[in-house]
Amino acid sequence: MEVVMRITIENVPLMHEISIDLKEFCFIFHVCPGLAEFVKKTVSVANSLSEIYESKHHVRSFVKPGKKTWGHGRLIREREDAIFDKWERWEIAIPFKARQLRLMEISANLSILSTLFCIYDGEVDGTGLNQFLTIDSVGVAMINQMLGGAFSFSLSKEVLDYTANIWGDAEWSKSERYQVLMDCMMRVYARLSGATRIKQYLCSSFYGQYRDMPRCAHFLCPGDCACIAPSEYSVFDEFGVSFSPHNTDTKIQQLTLLAVAIKLANMARANI
């Protein structure tokens, strides 16, 4: 069974860690050796997803791994300093005032990576850690069309426990941890939009609220109730919960909400 399903019902050994860097503004993927080899071999031999994206969405041709930059638009960059020995580190930059083509290519690369991460069933180096987050799907529809920013992801039991702790505070909306999550959304949204900061009247459009069943956070960003919430199938939370979007029509909404999900998982890992 692929990781995307298992993480919601049982502990899964860590295969990849996705994080966000708000200083360098990039998504970071730390990938175990077996998974890294599987991804590179697969996209080098048969990459049907990239062919679809090139023909249907007119993104630039997928560049096969082999150099430090690869993927659609060469947006996947290999770097040193992975979190574990022999693991690989890949980054996708979050650009300032991104052009439509660049946004499409970011989503296309995320879609290909997340798909291959989810179907990998090979060996995993023992780190003693569990998988906290999986990106289950990333939509690569045209810009600004209905659900053009669709995506889904799953969070593990550990992240749900951490989330409950944040919202367990009677003054959770004033807590430092909650403000860190809101700051993450606002900074990513502003950067992609080409703004240096979010205008005061828009700040209230970034919000996180809590649900008891299943127990998890529900995040919103500017739009017509553009948000992420538990999928209709997530009614129990003994382990993890799968999330799906609502009215995420733009790539900026997609990447902003994806960023806060990643940030929440990173904070749970660090237990801060």
Protein backbone atom coordinates (compact mmCIF):
# COMPACT_ATOMS: atom_id res chain seq x y z
CA MET A 1 0.00 0.00 0.00
CA GLU A 2 1.42 3.39 -0.94
CA VAL A 3 2.56 5.85 1.72
CA VAL A 4 -0.32 8.21 0.99
CA MET A 5 -2.81 5.69 2.40
CA ARG A 6 -0.66 4.16 5.12
CA ILE A 7 0.23 7.39 6.89
CA THR A 8 -3.42 7.87 7.88
CA ILE A 9 -3.76 4.46 9.53
CA GLU A 10 -0.34 3.41 10.82
CA ASN A 11 3.22 4.52 11.50
CA VAL A 12 5.32 4.69 8.33
CA PRO A 13 9.16 4.88 8.36
CA LEU A 14 10.54 8.18 7.11
CA MET A 15 11.31 8.06 3.37
CA HIS A 16 11.43 11.77 2.58
CA GLU A 17 11.16 14.98 4.55
CA ILE A 18 9.63 18.09 2.98
CA SER A 19 10.43 21.43 4.59
CA ILE A 20 10.13 25.12 3.79
CA ASP A 21 12.87 27.72 4.09
CA LEU A 22 11.48 31.25 4.50
CA LYS A 23 14.92 32.86 4.40
CA GLU A 24 15.97 31.41 1.05
CA PHE A 25 12.29 30.97 0.03
CA CYS A 26 12.25 27.42 -1.23
CA PHE A 27 10.65 24.03 -0.73
CA ILE A 28 13.25 21.45 0.36
CA PHE A 29 13.05 17.71 -0.20
CA HIS A 30 15.35 15.40 1.77
CA VAL A 31 15.13 12.03 0.02
CA CYS A 32 16.41 8.62 1.15
CA PRO A 33 18.86 6.86 -1.22
CA GLY A 34 16.44 4.21 -2.51
CA LEU A 35 13.69 6.71 -3.22
CA ALA A 36 16.10 9.17 -4.86
CA GLU A 37 17.36 6.45 -7.18
CA PHE A 38 13.78 5.35 -7.97
CA VAL A 39 12.67 8.89 -8.85
CA LYS A 40 15.66 9.66 -11.06
CA LYS A 41 15.50 6.32 -12.87
CA THR A 42 11.75 6.60 -13.46
CA VAL A 43 11.75 10.15 -14.86
CA SER A 44 14.75 9.31 -17.05
CA VAL A 45 13.08 6.30 -18.69
CA ALA A 46 9.32 6.88 -18.81
CA ASN A 47 7.78 10.14 -17.66
CA SER A 48 4.21 10.14 -18.94
CA LEU A 49 3.15 12.92 -16.55
CA SER A 50 5.68 15.35 -17.97
CA GLU A 51 4.53 14.53 -21.50
CA ILE A 52 0.95 15.35 -20.54
CA TYR A 53 1.97 18.61 -18.88
CA GLU A 54 4.06 19.65 -21.87
CA SER A 55 1.31 18.95 -24.42
CA LYS A 56 -1.69 20.10 -22.40
CA HIS A 57 -0.30 22.92 -20.28
CA HIS A 58 2.65 24.00 -22.45
CA VAL A 59 5.28 23.95 -19.74
CA ARG A 60 8.90 23.70 -20.81
CA SER A 61 10.30 20.25 -21.58
CA PHE A 62 11.32 18.08 -18.65
CA VAL A 63 15.10 17.97 -18.27
CA LYS A 64 16.29 14.59 -17.04
CA PRO A 65 18.47 14.34 -13.91
CA GLY A 66 22.19 14.29 -14.47
CA LYS A 67 23.21 17.82 -13.61
CA LYS A 68 22.54 20.01 -10.60
CA THR A 69 19.28 21.33 -12.06
CA TRP A 70 16.56 19.26 -13.71
CA GLY A 71 12.79 18.98 -14.10
CA HIS A 72 10.41 21.32 -15.91
CA GLY A 73 12.21 24.64 -16.36
CA ARG A 74 15.20 23.12 -14.52
CA LEU A 75 13.49 24.19 -11.29
CA ILE A 76 14.62 21.21 -9.22
CA ARG A 77 18.06 22.02 -7.84
CA GLU A 78 20.32 19.51 -6.11
CA ARG A 79 22.13 20.80 -3.04
CA GLU A 80 24.43 19.46 -0.35
CA ASP A 81 23.63 19.11 3.36
CA ALA A 82 20.82 16.58 3.42
CA ILE A 83 19.55 15.78 6.92
CA PHE A 84 20.98 12.24 6.86
CA ASP A 85 24.14 10.68 5.46
CA LYS A 86 23.75 9.44 1.86
CA TRP A 87 20.36 11.11 1.49
CA GLU A 88 19.84 13.66 -1.28
CA ARG A 89 18.60 17.23 -0.99
CA TRP A 90 16.50 18.83 -3.72
CA GLU A 91 15.05 22.33 -3.71
CA ILE A 92 12.38 24.21 -5.65
CA ALA A 93 12.58 27.99 -5.28
CA ILE A 94 9.56 30.13 -4.37
CA PRO A 95 9.98 33.05 -6.80
CA PHE A 96 9.13 36.71 -6.27
CA LYS A 97 6.22 37.88 -8.44
CA ALA A 98 6.15 34.60 -10.32
CA ARG A 99 5.13 34.49 -13.96
CA GLN A 100 2.28 32.17 -14.90
CA LEU A 101 4.58 29.76 -16.71
CA ARG A 102 6.86 29.53 -13.66
CA LEU A 103 3.90 28.78 -11.39
CA MET A 104 2.72 26.04 -13.74
CA GLU A 105 6.19 24.50 -13.79
CA ILE A 106 6.47 24.55 -9.99
CA SER A 107 3.15 22.68 -9.75
CA ALA A 108 4.18 20.25 -12.50
CA ASN A 109 7.45 19.40 -10.72
CA LEU A 110 5.66 19.03 -7.37
CA SER A 111 3.10 16.77 -9.01
CA ILE A 112 5.72 14.46 -10.50
CA LEU A 113 7.76 14.25 -7.28
CA SER A 114 4.74 13.68 -5.03
CA THR A 115 3.34 10.99 -7.34
CA LEU A 116 6.60 9.04 -7.35
CA PHE A 117 7.09 9.53 -3.60
CA CYS A 118 3.67 8.00 -3.00
CA ILE A 119 4.12 4.87 -5.12
CA TYR A 120 7.62 3.97 -3.96
CA ASP A 121 7.67 0.65 -2.09
CA GLY A 122 11.39 -0.08 -1.99
CA GLU A 123 13.95 -0.09 0.80
CA VAL A 124 14.10 2.66 3.41
CA ASP A 125 17.17 3.48 5.49
CA GLY A 126 16.31 3.16 9.16
CA THR A 127 16.28 6.59 10.79
CA GLY A 128 14.00 5.67 13.67
CA LEU A 129 11.61 8.44 12.57
CA ASN A 130 8.12 8.30 11.11
CA GLN A 131 6.74 10.03 8.03
CA PHE A 132 4.81 13.13 9.20
CA LEU A 133 3.60 14.51 5.88
CA THR A 134 2.87 13.24 2.38
CA ILE A 135 1.74 15.38 -0.53
CA ASP A 136 -0.79 13.12 -2.19
CA SER A 137 -1.48 15.09 -5.37
CA VAL A 138 -0.80 18.48 -6.94
CA GLY A 139 -3.11 19.77 -9.66
CA VAL A 140 -1.52 21.21 -12.79
CA ALA A 141 -4.57 22.83 -14.38
CA MET A 142 -4.48 26.14 -16.21
CA ILE A 143 -3.96 29.33 -14.24
CA ASN A 144 -6.99 30.89 -12.54
CA GLN A 145 -9.55 28.33 -13.61
CA MET A 146 -11.94 26.55 -11.27
CA LEU A 147 -9.86 24.38 -8.91
CA GLY A 148 -6.73 25.33 -10.85
CA GLY A 149 -4.88 25.21 -7.54
CA ALA A 150 -6.16 21.85 -6.32
CA PHE A 151 -3.92 19.58 -4.24
CA SER A 152 -4.19 17.12 -1.36
CA PHE A 153 -1.97 15.90 1.45
CA SER A 154 -1.97 13.75 4.58
CA LEU A 155 -0.67 14.42 8.09
CA SER A 156 0.34 11.78 10.62
CA LYS A 157 -0.89 11.21 14.16
CA GLU A 158 2.14 13.03 15.56
CA VAL A 159 1.20 16.20 13.68
CA LEU A 160 -2.41 15.93 14.86
CA ASP A 161 -1.17 15.65 18.46
CA TYR A 162 0.99 18.72 17.98
CA THR A 163 -1.88 20.65 16.35
CA ALA A 164 -4.21 19.84 19.25
CA ASN A 165 -1.62 21.26 21.60
CA ILE A 166 -1.51 24.59 19.73
CA TRP A 167 -5.27 25.05 19.71
CA GLY A 168 -5.58 23.69 23.25
CA ASP A 169 -4.45 27.08 24.54
CA ALA A 170 -7.43 29.28 25.41
CA GLU A 171 -5.67 32.20 23.68
CA TRP A 172 -4.39 30.16 20.74
CA SER A 173 -4.83 33.00 18.24
CA LYS A 174 -2.27 35.05 20.20
CA SER A 175 0.22 32.22 20.67
CA GLU A 176 3.67 32.39 19.08
CA ARG A 177 3.20 29.05 17.28
CA TYR A 178 -0.06 30.13 15.68
CA GLN A 179 1.51 33.42 14.58
CA VAL A 180 4.42 31.51 12.99
CA LEU A 181 1.93 29.57 10.86
CA MET A 182 0.09 32.71 9.80
CA ASP A 183 3.38 34.45 9.06
CA CYS A 184 4.38 31.54 6.81
CA MET A 185 1.21 31.85 4.75
CA MET A 186 1.42 35.63 4.46
CA ARG A 187 5.09 35.65 3.46
CA VAL A 188 4.66 33.01 0.75
CA TYR A 189 1.49 34.67 -0.57
CA ALA A 190 3.17 38.08 -0.63
CA ARG A 191 6.32 36.78 -2.36
CA LEU A 192 4.44 34.96 -5.11
CA SER A 193 2.24 38.04 -5.61
CA GLY A 194 5.19 40.40 -5.87
CA ALA A 195 4.51 42.28 -2.65
CA THR A 196 7.00 43.06 0.09
CA ARG A 197 4.34 42.57 2.75
CA ILE A 198 0.63 41.85 3.14
CA LYS A 199 -1.57 44.93 3.38
CA GLN A 200 -3.35 45.34 6.68
CA TYR A 201 -6.84 44.81 5.27
CA LEU A 202 -5.81 41.39 3.89
CA CYS A 203 -4.29 40.02 7.10
CA SER A 204 -7.63 38.81 8.42
CA SER A 205 -8.01 36.67 5.29
CA PHE A 206 -5.26 34.38 6.60
CA TYR A 207 -6.75 32.24 9.31
CA GLY A 208 -6.52 28.88 11.01
CA GLN A 209 -9.29 27.26 12.99
CA TYR A 210 -9.65 23.90 14.71
CA ARG A 211 -11.96 20.93 14.24
CA ASP A 212 -12.61 18.32 16.92
CA MET A 213 -13.70 15.52 14.57
CA PRO A 214 -11.34 14.78 13.07
CA ARG A 215 -9.05 16.85 15.28
CA CYS A 216 -7.01 19.03 12.96
CA ALA A 217 -6.48 22.56 11.71
CA HIS A 218 -8.43 24.16 8.88
CA PHE A 219 -6.46 26.92 7.09
CA LEU A 220 -7.79 29.75 4.90
CA CYS A 221 -6.12 32.31 2.63
CA PRO A 222 -7.47 35.17 0.45
CA GLY A 223 -10.13 34.10 -2.02
CA ASP A 224 -13.71 32.85 -2.07
CA CYS A 225 -13.25 30.69 1.05
CA ALA A 226 -10.02 29.28 -0.37
CA CYS A 227 -9.01 26.72 2.24
CA ILE A 228 -7.84 23.24 3.13
CA ALA A 229 -9.79 20.93 5.41
CA PRO A 230 -10.13 17.20 6.16
CA SER A 231 -11.43 15.19 3.23
CA GLU A 232 -14.91 13.74 3.52
CA TYR A 233 -13.40 10.31 4.16
CA SER A 234 -11.41 11.45 7.21
CA VAL A 235 -13.91 10.88 10.00
CA PHE A 236 -11.60 9.17 12.50
CA ASP A 237 -8.20 10.27 13.69
CA GLU A 238 -6.59 7.37 15.51
CA PHE A 239 -3.65 8.02 13.21
CA GLY A 240 -3.54 10.58 10.44
CA VAL A 241 -5.92 12.66 8.38
CA SER A 242 -6.12 13.35 4.66
CA PHE A 243 -6.82 16.90 3.53
CA SER A 244 -8.39 18.29 0.38
CA PRO A 245 -8.87 21.87 -0.87
CA HIS A 246 -11.93 24.04 -1.29
CA ASN A 247 -12.07 26.82 -3.89
CA THR A 248 -8.33 26.88 -4.47
CA ASP A 249 -8.53 28.29 -7.99
CA THR A 250 -5.07 29.85 -8.28
CA LYS A 251 -1.52 28.59 -8.03
CA ILE A 252 -0.75 31.24 -5.41
CA GLN A 253 -3.52 29.86 -3.19
CA GLN A 254 -2.26 26.33 -3.84
CA LEU A 255 1.34 27.04 -2.90
CA THR A 256 0.41 29.25 0.06
CA LEU A 257 -1.75 26.56 1.66
CA LEU A 258 0.75 23.86 0.82
CA ALA A 259 3.41 25.95 2.54
CA VAL A 260 1.48 26.18 5.81
CA ALA A 261 0.86 22.41 5.82
CA ILE A 262 4.59 21.83 5.39
CA LYS A 263 5.40 24.40 8.08
CA LEU A 264 3.03 22.71 10.54
CA ALA A 265 4.69 19.34 9.95
CA ASN A 266 8.15 20.92 10.33
CA MET A 267 7.16 22.48 13.65
CA ALA A 268 5.78 19.16 14.86
CA ARG A 269 9.06 17.47 13.92
CA ALA A 270 11.04 20.08 15.84
CA ASN A 271 8.43 20.03 18.64
CA ILE A 272 8.61 23.80 19.06
